[in-house]
Amino acid sequence: MSDPRKRAVALKYEPTAGGAPVVVAKGRGVIAEKIVELARSNGVAVREDPALVTVLSKLQVDQEIPPQLYAAVAAILAFLYKANRKG
């Protein structure tokens, strides 16, 4: 059974584009589980950070993250970069 409180936010970051990471998907409950499932099935490392997800879930899909979140998201990107290199 799905946990209706579970949230997920997917970000896309293209360093060559020159912009900030962008929210590409977000959801809760079954949708959140599907986002995580799709990420994992496509070899994308997943990081759980409930506090950051709470903040990111307030953004709109296709919205760049605001400068106040750069440091937190940079830490996540560094984690994912290392996880992808190990995989």
N, C-alpha and C. Protein backbone atom coordinates (compact mmCIF):
# COMPACT_ATOMS: atom_id res chain seq x y z
N MET A 1 0.84 -1.18 0.00
CA MET A 1 0.00 0.00 0.00
C MET A 1 0.89 1.25 0.00
N SER A 2 0.47 2.22 -0.74
CA SER A 2 1.24 3.45 -0.89
C SER A 2 1.15 4.32 0.36
N ASP A 3 2.27 4.99 0.66
CA ASP A 3 2.30 5.94 1.77
C ASP A 3 1.91 7.31 1.22
N PRO A 4 0.73 7.83 1.56
CA PRO A 4 0.28 9.10 0.99
C PRO A 4 1.14 10.29 1.40
N ARG A 5 1.97 10.13 2.44
CA ARG A 5 2.83 11.22 2.89
C ARG A 5 4.15 11.30 2.14
N LYS A 6 4.50 10.20 1.46
CA LYS A 6 5.78 10.17 0.75
C LYS A 6 5.76 11.20 -0.38
N ARG A 7 6.86 11.94 -0.50
CA ARG A 7 7.01 12.95 -1.55
C ARG A 7 8.28 12.68 -2.33
N ALA A 8 8.26 13.10 -3.57
CA ALA A 8 9.47 13.00 -4.40
C ALA A 8 9.50 14.19 -5.34
N VAL A 9 10.70 14.66 -5.59
CA VAL A 9 10.93 15.74 -6.56
C VAL A 9 12.12 15.31 -7.42
N ALA A 10 11.94 15.42 -8.73
CA ALA A 10 13.01 15.09 -9.66
C ALA A 10 13.57 16.39 -10.23
N LEU A 11 14.89 16.48 -10.24
CA LEU A 11 15.57 17.65 -10.78
C LEU A 11 16.36 17.26 -12.02
N LYS A 12 16.49 18.20 -12.93
CA LYS A 12 17.33 18.02 -14.10
C LYS A 12 18.35 19.14 -14.08
N TYR A 13 19.60 18.74 -14.29
CA TYR A 13 20.66 19.75 -14.31
C TYR A 13 21.57 19.51 -15.50
N GLU A 14 21.72 20.52 -16.31
CA GLU A 14 22.62 20.45 -17.45
C GLU A 14 23.66 21.55 -17.30
N PRO A 15 24.85 21.19 -16.81
CA PRO A 15 25.88 22.19 -16.54
C PRO A 15 26.23 23.05 -17.77
N THR A 16 26.14 22.48 -18.94
CA THR A 16 26.50 23.22 -20.15
C THR A 16 25.44 24.26 -20.52
N ALA A 17 24.24 24.15 -19.97
CA ALA A 17 23.17 25.09 -20.29
C ALA A 17 23.34 26.41 -19.55
N GLY A 18 24.12 26.41 -18.48
CA GLY A 18 24.40 27.65 -17.77
C GLY A 18 23.36 28.07 -16.75
N GLY A 19 22.31 27.31 -16.59
CA GLY A 19 21.28 27.67 -15.62
C GLY A 19 21.35 26.81 -14.38
N ALA A 20 20.39 27.03 -13.51
CA ALA A 20 20.27 26.25 -12.28
C ALA A 20 19.50 24.96 -12.57
N PRO A 21 19.57 23.98 -11.65
CA PRO A 21 18.73 22.79 -11.79
C PRO A 21 17.26 23.18 -11.86
N VAL A 22 16.50 22.37 -12.58
CA VAL A 22 15.08 22.63 -12.82
C VAL A 22 14.26 21.46 -12.29
N VAL A 23 13.12 21.76 -11.69
CA VAL A 23 12.19 20.71 -11.26
C VAL A 23 11.53 20.13 -12.50
N VAL A 24 11.66 18.82 -12.71
CA VAL A 24 11.05 18.20 -13.88
C VAL A 24 9.87 17.30 -13.53
N ALA A 25 9.76 16.92 -12.26
CA ALA A 25 8.62 16.12 -11.81
C ALA A 25 8.51 16.23 -10.30
N LYS A 26 7.30 16.14 -9.82
CA LYS A 26 7.09 16.11 -8.37
C LYS A 26 5.77 15.43 -8.09
N GLY A 27 5.66 14.87 -6.90
CA GLY A 27 4.41 14.21 -6.55
C GLY A 27 4.47 13.64 -5.15
N ARG A 28 3.33 13.12 -4.74
CA ARG A 28 3.26 12.46 -3.43
C ARG A 28 2.50 11.17 -3.57
N GLY A 29 2.66 10.30 -2.57
CA GLY A 29 1.98 9.00 -2.59
C GLY A 29 2.42 8.14 -3.76
N VAL A 30 1.46 7.63 -4.52
CA VAL A 30 1.74 6.74 -5.64
C VAL A 30 2.62 7.43 -6.69
N ILE A 31 2.37 8.70 -6.94
CA ILE A 31 3.17 9.44 -7.93
C ILE A 31 4.62 9.52 -7.46
N ALA A 32 4.84 9.80 -6.19
CA ALA A 32 6.20 9.86 -5.64
C ALA A 32 6.90 8.52 -5.81
N GLU A 33 6.19 7.46 -5.52
CA GLU A 33 6.78 6.13 -5.66
C GLU A 33 7.14 5.84 -7.11
N LYS A 34 6.31 6.27 -8.04
CA LYS A 34 6.58 6.07 -9.46
C LYS A 34 7.81 6.88 -9.90
N ILE A 35 7.95 8.11 -9.41
CA ILE A 35 9.12 8.93 -9.74
C ILE A 35 10.39 8.22 -9.28
N VAL A 36 10.39 7.72 -8.05
CA VAL A 36 11.57 7.02 -7.52
C VAL A 36 11.82 5.73 -8.30
N GLU A 37 10.77 4.99 -8.59
CA GLU A 37 10.90 3.74 -9.35
C GLU A 37 11.50 4.00 -10.74
N LEU A 38 11.00 5.03 -11.43
CA LEU A 38 11.53 5.36 -12.76
C LEU A 38 12.99 5.78 -12.69
N ALA A 39 13.33 6.55 -11.68
CA ALA A 39 14.73 6.97 -11.52
C ALA A 39 15.62 5.75 -11.34
N ARG A 40 15.26 4.89 -10.43
CA ARG A 40 16.09 3.72 -10.15
C ARG A 40 16.17 2.79 -11.35
N SER A 41 15.05 2.59 -12.04
CA SER A 41 15.05 1.68 -13.19
C SER A 41 15.87 2.24 -14.35
N ASN A 42 16.13 3.53 -14.33
CA ASN A 42 16.94 4.16 -15.37
C ASN A 42 18.37 4.44 -14.89
N GLY A 43 18.72 3.85 -13.76
CA GLY A 43 20.09 3.97 -13.26
C GLY A 43 20.42 5.30 -12.63
N VAL A 44 19.40 6.06 -12.25
CA VAL A 44 19.62 7.35 -11.60
C VAL A 44 19.65 7.13 -10.10
N ALA A 45 20.72 7.57 -9.47
CA ALA A 45 20.82 7.43 -8.01
C ALA A 45 19.76 8.31 -7.35
N VAL A 46 19.23 7.82 -6.25
CA VAL A 46 18.18 8.53 -5.52
C VAL A 46 18.71 8.90 -4.15
N ARG A 47 18.46 10.11 -3.75
CA ARG A 47 18.86 10.58 -2.41
C ARG A 47 17.63 11.01 -1.66
N GLU A 48 17.45 10.51 -0.46
CA GLU A 48 16.30 10.90 0.36
C GLU A 48 16.72 12.02 1.30
N ASP A 49 16.00 13.14 1.21
CA ASP A 49 16.24 14.30 2.07
C ASP A 49 14.88 14.95 2.30
N PRO A 50 14.15 14.48 3.31
CA PRO A 50 12.77 14.97 3.54
C PRO A 50 12.66 16.48 3.66
N ALA A 51 13.60 17.14 4.31
CA ALA A 51 13.52 18.59 4.47
C ALA A 51 13.65 19.30 3.12
N LEU A 52 14.60 18.85 2.31
CA LEU A 52 14.79 19.47 1.00
C LEU A 52 13.59 19.19 0.09
N VAL A 53 13.05 17.97 0.13
CA VAL A 53 11.88 17.64 -0.68
C VAL A 53 10.70 18.53 -0.30
N THR A 54 10.54 18.81 0.97
CA THR A 54 9.45 19.68 1.40
C THR A 54 9.57 21.05 0.76
N VAL A 55 10.78 21.59 0.72
CA VAL A 55 10.99 22.91 0.12
C VAL A 55 10.84 22.84 -1.40
N LEU A 56 11.47 21.84 -2.02
CA LEU A 56 11.42 21.73 -3.47
C LEU A 56 10.02 21.46 -3.99
N SER A 57 9.21 20.76 -3.21
CA SER A 57 7.86 20.44 -3.66
C SER A 57 6.97 21.68 -3.77
N LYS A 58 7.42 22.79 -3.20
CA LYS A 58 6.66 24.04 -3.31
C LYS A 58 6.91 24.74 -4.65
N LEU A 59 7.96 24.30 -5.36
CA LEU A 59 8.26 24.89 -6.66
C LEU A 59 7.36 24.27 -7.72
N GLN A 60 7.25 24.95 -8.84
CA GLN A 60 6.46 24.45 -9.97
C GLN A 60 7.35 23.60 -10.88
N VAL A 61 6.73 22.66 -11.60
CA VAL A 61 7.46 21.89 -12.60
C VAL A 61 7.96 22.89 -13.65
N ASP A 62 9.17 22.70 -14.12
CA ASP A 62 9.88 23.56 -15.08
C ASP A 62 10.45 24.82 -14.44
N GLN A 63 10.36 24.95 -13.12
CA GLN A 63 10.92 26.11 -12.43
C GLN A 63 12.34 25.81 -11.99
N GLU A 64 13.25 26.78 -12.22
CA GLU A 64 14.61 26.65 -11.71
C GLU A 64 14.59 26.78 -10.20
N ILE A 65 15.52 26.08 -9.54
CA ILE A 65 15.60 26.23 -8.10
C ILE A 65 16.09 27.64 -7.79
N PRO A 66 15.61 28.23 -6.70
CA PRO A 66 16.06 29.58 -6.34
C PRO A 66 17.47 29.55 -5.74
N PRO A 67 18.17 30.68 -5.80
CA PRO A 67 19.54 30.75 -5.28
C PRO A 67 19.67 30.29 -3.82
N GLN A 68 18.65 30.48 -3.01
CA GLN A 68 18.72 30.07 -1.60
C GLN A 68 18.91 28.56 -1.46
N LEU A 69 18.57 27.79 -2.49
CA LEU A 69 18.68 26.33 -2.41
C LEU A 69 19.92 25.79 -3.12
N TYR A 70 20.74 26.66 -3.70
CA TYR A 70 21.90 26.20 -4.46
C TYR A 70 22.82 25.30 -3.62
N ALA A 71 23.14 25.71 -2.42
CA ALA A 71 24.07 24.92 -1.59
C ALA A 71 23.51 23.54 -1.28
N ALA A 72 22.23 23.48 -0.91
CA ALA A 72 21.62 22.19 -0.58
C ALA A 72 21.56 21.28 -1.80
N VAL A 73 21.19 21.84 -2.93
CA VAL A 73 21.10 21.04 -4.16
C VAL A 73 22.49 20.66 -4.64
N ALA A 74 23.47 21.52 -4.48
CA ALA A 74 24.85 21.19 -4.86
C ALA A 74 25.35 19.98 -4.07
N ALA A 75 24.99 19.90 -2.80
CA ALA A 75 25.38 18.74 -1.99
C ALA A 75 24.74 17.47 -2.53
N ILE A 76 23.49 17.56 -2.95
CA ILE A 76 22.80 16.40 -3.53
C ILE A 76 23.47 16.01 -4.85
N LEU A 77 23.77 16.99 -5.69
CA LEU A 77 24.42 16.70 -6.97
C LEU A 77 25.79 16.05 -6.77
N ALA A 78 26.52 16.51 -5.77
CA ALA A 78 27.83 15.90 -5.48
C ALA A 78 27.65 14.45 -5.04
N PHE A 79 26.65 14.19 -4.20
CA PHE A 79 26.35 12.83 -3.78
C PHE A 79 26.03 11.96 -4.99
N LEU A 80 25.17 12.46 -5.88
CA LEU A 80 24.74 11.69 -7.05
C LEU A 80 25.91 11.45 -8.00
N TYR A 81 26.75 12.45 -8.16
CA TYR A 81 27.92 12.29 -9.02
C TYR A 81 28.80 11.16 -8.51
N LYS A 82 29.05 11.15 -7.20
CA LYS A 82 29.88 10.08 -6.62
C LYS A 82 29.18 8.74 -6.73
N ALA A 83 27.87 8.69 -6.50
CA ALA A 83 27.12 7.43 -6.58
C ALA A 83 27.16 6.89 -8.00
N ASN A 84 27.02 7.76 -8.99
CA ASN A 84 27.03 7.32 -10.39
C ASN A 84 28.41 6.85 -10.82
N ARG A 85 29.46 7.42 -10.27
CA ARG A 85 30.82 6.99 -10.61
C ARG A 85 31.12 5.62 -10.04
N LYS A 86 30.52 5.30 -8.88
CA LYS A 86 30.75 3.98 -8.27
C LYS A 86 29.99 2.91 -9.01
N GLY A 87 28.82 3.28 -9.57
CA GLY A 87 27.94 2.32 -10.24
C GLY A 87 28.49 1.90 -11.54
